[in-house]
Amino acid sequence: MFNPVKAVRIQRGETLATVAASVQTDVGNLSRIENCKQKASPELAERLARHFGYAVTEIQILYPERFAQGV
């Protein structure tokens, strides 16, 4: 199962490093968020949603278990 952030990142062909740099977080933090080992802060969720042009919403980022996609 992919969480929404990972799904949209992979769909767009972006790396963890480029997304992390764009939203001002570190790669490890973003990886933990994508693997549901850590929750994003509301501020980071907003930055991620803006980065992806709202293809993924803040609610999907904050509650990934509700929106996980099978791949």
C-alpha atoms as a PDB file:
ATOM      1  CA  MET A   1       0.000   0.000   0.000  1.00  0.00           C
ATOM      2  CA  PHE A   2       1.259   3.468  -0.898  1.00  0.00           C
ATOM      3  CA  ASN A   3       0.278   6.444   1.126  1.00  0.00           C
ATOM      4  CA  PRO A   4      -1.003   9.428  -0.893  1.00  0.00           C
ATOM      5  CA  VAL A   5       2.239  11.420  -0.732  1.00  0.00           C
ATOM      6  CA  LYS A   6       4.341   8.537  -2.012  1.00  0.00           C
ATOM      7  CA  ALA A   7       1.803   7.693  -4.712  1.00  0.00           C
ATOM      8  CA  VAL A   8       1.722  11.209  -6.150  1.00  0.00           C
ATOM      9  CA  ARG A   9       5.513  11.603  -5.855  1.00  0.00           C
ATOM     10  CA  ILE A  10       6.123   8.387  -7.787  1.00  0.00           C
ATOM     11  CA  GLN A  11       3.433   9.239 -10.329  1.00  0.00           C
ATOM     12  CA  ARG A  12       5.214  12.525 -11.034  1.00  0.00           C
ATOM     13  CA  GLY A  13       8.652  10.901 -11.181  1.00  0.00           C
ATOM     14  CA  GLU A  14      10.095  13.007  -8.363  1.00  0.00           C
ATOM     15  CA  THR A  15      12.736  11.819  -5.926  1.00  0.00           C
ATOM     16  CA  LEU A  16      12.560  12.031  -2.153  1.00  0.00           C
ATOM     17  CA  ALA A  17      15.475  14.453  -2.261  1.00  0.00           C
ATOM     18  CA  THR A  18      13.847  16.927  -4.668  1.00  0.00           C
ATOM     19  CA  VAL A  19      10.538  16.952  -2.798  1.00  0.00           C
ATOM     20  CA  ALA A  20      12.250  17.236   0.599  1.00  0.00           C
ATOM     21  CA  ALA A  21      14.330  20.187  -0.588  1.00  0.00           C
ATOM     22  CA  SER A  22      11.284  21.884  -2.077  1.00  0.00           C
ATOM     23  CA  VAL A  23       9.237  21.630   1.135  1.00  0.00           C
ATOM     24  CA  GLN A  24      12.177  22.381   3.439  1.00  0.00           C
ATOM     25  CA  THR A  25      12.430  19.073   5.282  1.00  0.00           C
ATOM     26  CA  ASP A  26      15.010  16.336   5.319  1.00  0.00           C
ATOM     27  CA  VAL A  27      14.851  13.168   3.241  1.00  0.00           C
ATOM     28  CA  GLY A  28      14.593  10.906   6.304  1.00  0.00           C
ATOM     29  CA  ASN A  29      11.621  12.843   7.633  1.00  0.00           C
ATOM     30  CA  LEU A  30       9.809  12.630   4.301  1.00  0.00           C
ATOM     31  CA  SER A  31      10.605   8.924   3.992  1.00  0.00           C
ATOM     32  CA  ARG A  32       9.131   8.238   7.445  1.00  0.00           C
ATOM     33  CA  ILE A  33       5.996  10.177   6.481  1.00  0.00           C
ATOM     34  CA  GLU A  34       5.661   8.203   3.231  1.00  0.00           C
ATOM     35  CA  ASN A  35       6.066   4.919   5.111  1.00  0.00           C
ATOM     36  CA  CYS A  36       3.508   5.910   7.773  1.00  0.00           C
ATOM     37  CA  LYS A  37       6.107   5.774  10.545  1.00  0.00           C
ATOM     38  CA  GLN A  38       5.612   9.452  11.318  1.00  0.00           C
ATOM     39  CA  LYS A  39       2.829  11.993  10.858  1.00  0.00           C
ATOM     40  CA  ALA A  40       3.430  15.253   9.043  1.00  0.00           C
ATOM     41  CA  SER A  41       2.913  18.450  10.964  1.00  0.00           C
ATOM     42  CA  PRO A  42       0.050  20.627   9.710  1.00  0.00           C
ATOM     43  CA  GLU A  43       2.618  23.097   8.359  1.00  0.00           C
ATOM     44  CA  LEU A  44       4.519  20.411   6.451  1.00  0.00           C
ATOM     45  CA  ALA A  45       1.252  18.951   5.149  1.00  0.00           C
ATOM     46  CA  GLU A  46       0.378  22.365   3.735  1.00  0.00           C
ATOM     47  CA  ARG A  47       3.791  22.715   2.070  1.00  0.00           C
ATOM     48  CA  LEU A  48       3.514  19.224   0.562  1.00  0.00           C
ATOM     49  CA  ALA A  49       0.011  19.897  -0.754  1.00  0.00           C
ATOM     50  CA  ARG A  50       1.197  23.146  -2.362  1.00  0.00           C
ATOM     51  CA  HIS A  51       4.270  21.423  -3.829  1.00  0.00           C
ATOM     52  CA  PHE A  52       2.081  18.841  -5.559  1.00  0.00           C
ATOM     53  CA  GLY A  53      -0.413  21.439  -6.793  1.00  0.00           C
ATOM     54  CA  TYR A  54      -3.063  20.014  -4.465  1.00  0.00           C
ATOM     55  CA  ALA A  55      -3.069  16.670  -6.309  1.00  0.00           C
ATOM     56  CA  VAL A  56      -2.870  15.396  -2.736  1.00  0.00           C
ATOM     57  CA  THR A  57      -4.691  17.315   0.001  1.00  0.00           C
ATOM     58  CA  GLU A  58      -3.606  18.259   3.500  1.00  0.00           C
ATOM     59  CA  ILE A  59      -6.230  15.881   4.921  1.00  0.00           C
ATOM     60  CA  GLN A  60      -4.792  13.000   2.869  1.00  0.00           C
ATOM     61  CA  ILE A  61      -1.322  13.853   4.176  1.00  0.00           C
ATOM     62  CA  LEU A  62      -2.414  14.143   7.809  1.00  0.00           C
ATOM     63  CA  TYR A  63      -4.526  10.942   7.719  1.00  0.00           C
ATOM     64  CA  PRO A  64      -2.805   8.707   5.133  1.00  0.00           C
ATOM     65  CA  GLU A  65      -4.319   5.488   6.498  1.00  0.00           C
ATOM     66  CA  ARG A  66      -7.731   6.646   5.245  1.00  0.00           C
ATOM     67  CA  PHE A  67      -6.464   7.194   1.708  1.00  0.00           C
ATOM     68  CA  ALA A  68      -3.820   4.485   1.129  1.00  0.00           C
ATOM     69  CA  GLN A  69      -3.677   3.241  -2.456  1.00  0.00           C
ATOM     70  CA  GLY A  70      -2.907  -0.326  -3.442  1.00  0.00           C
ATOM     71  CA  VAL A  71      -0.079  -0.765  -5.913  1.00  0.00           C
END
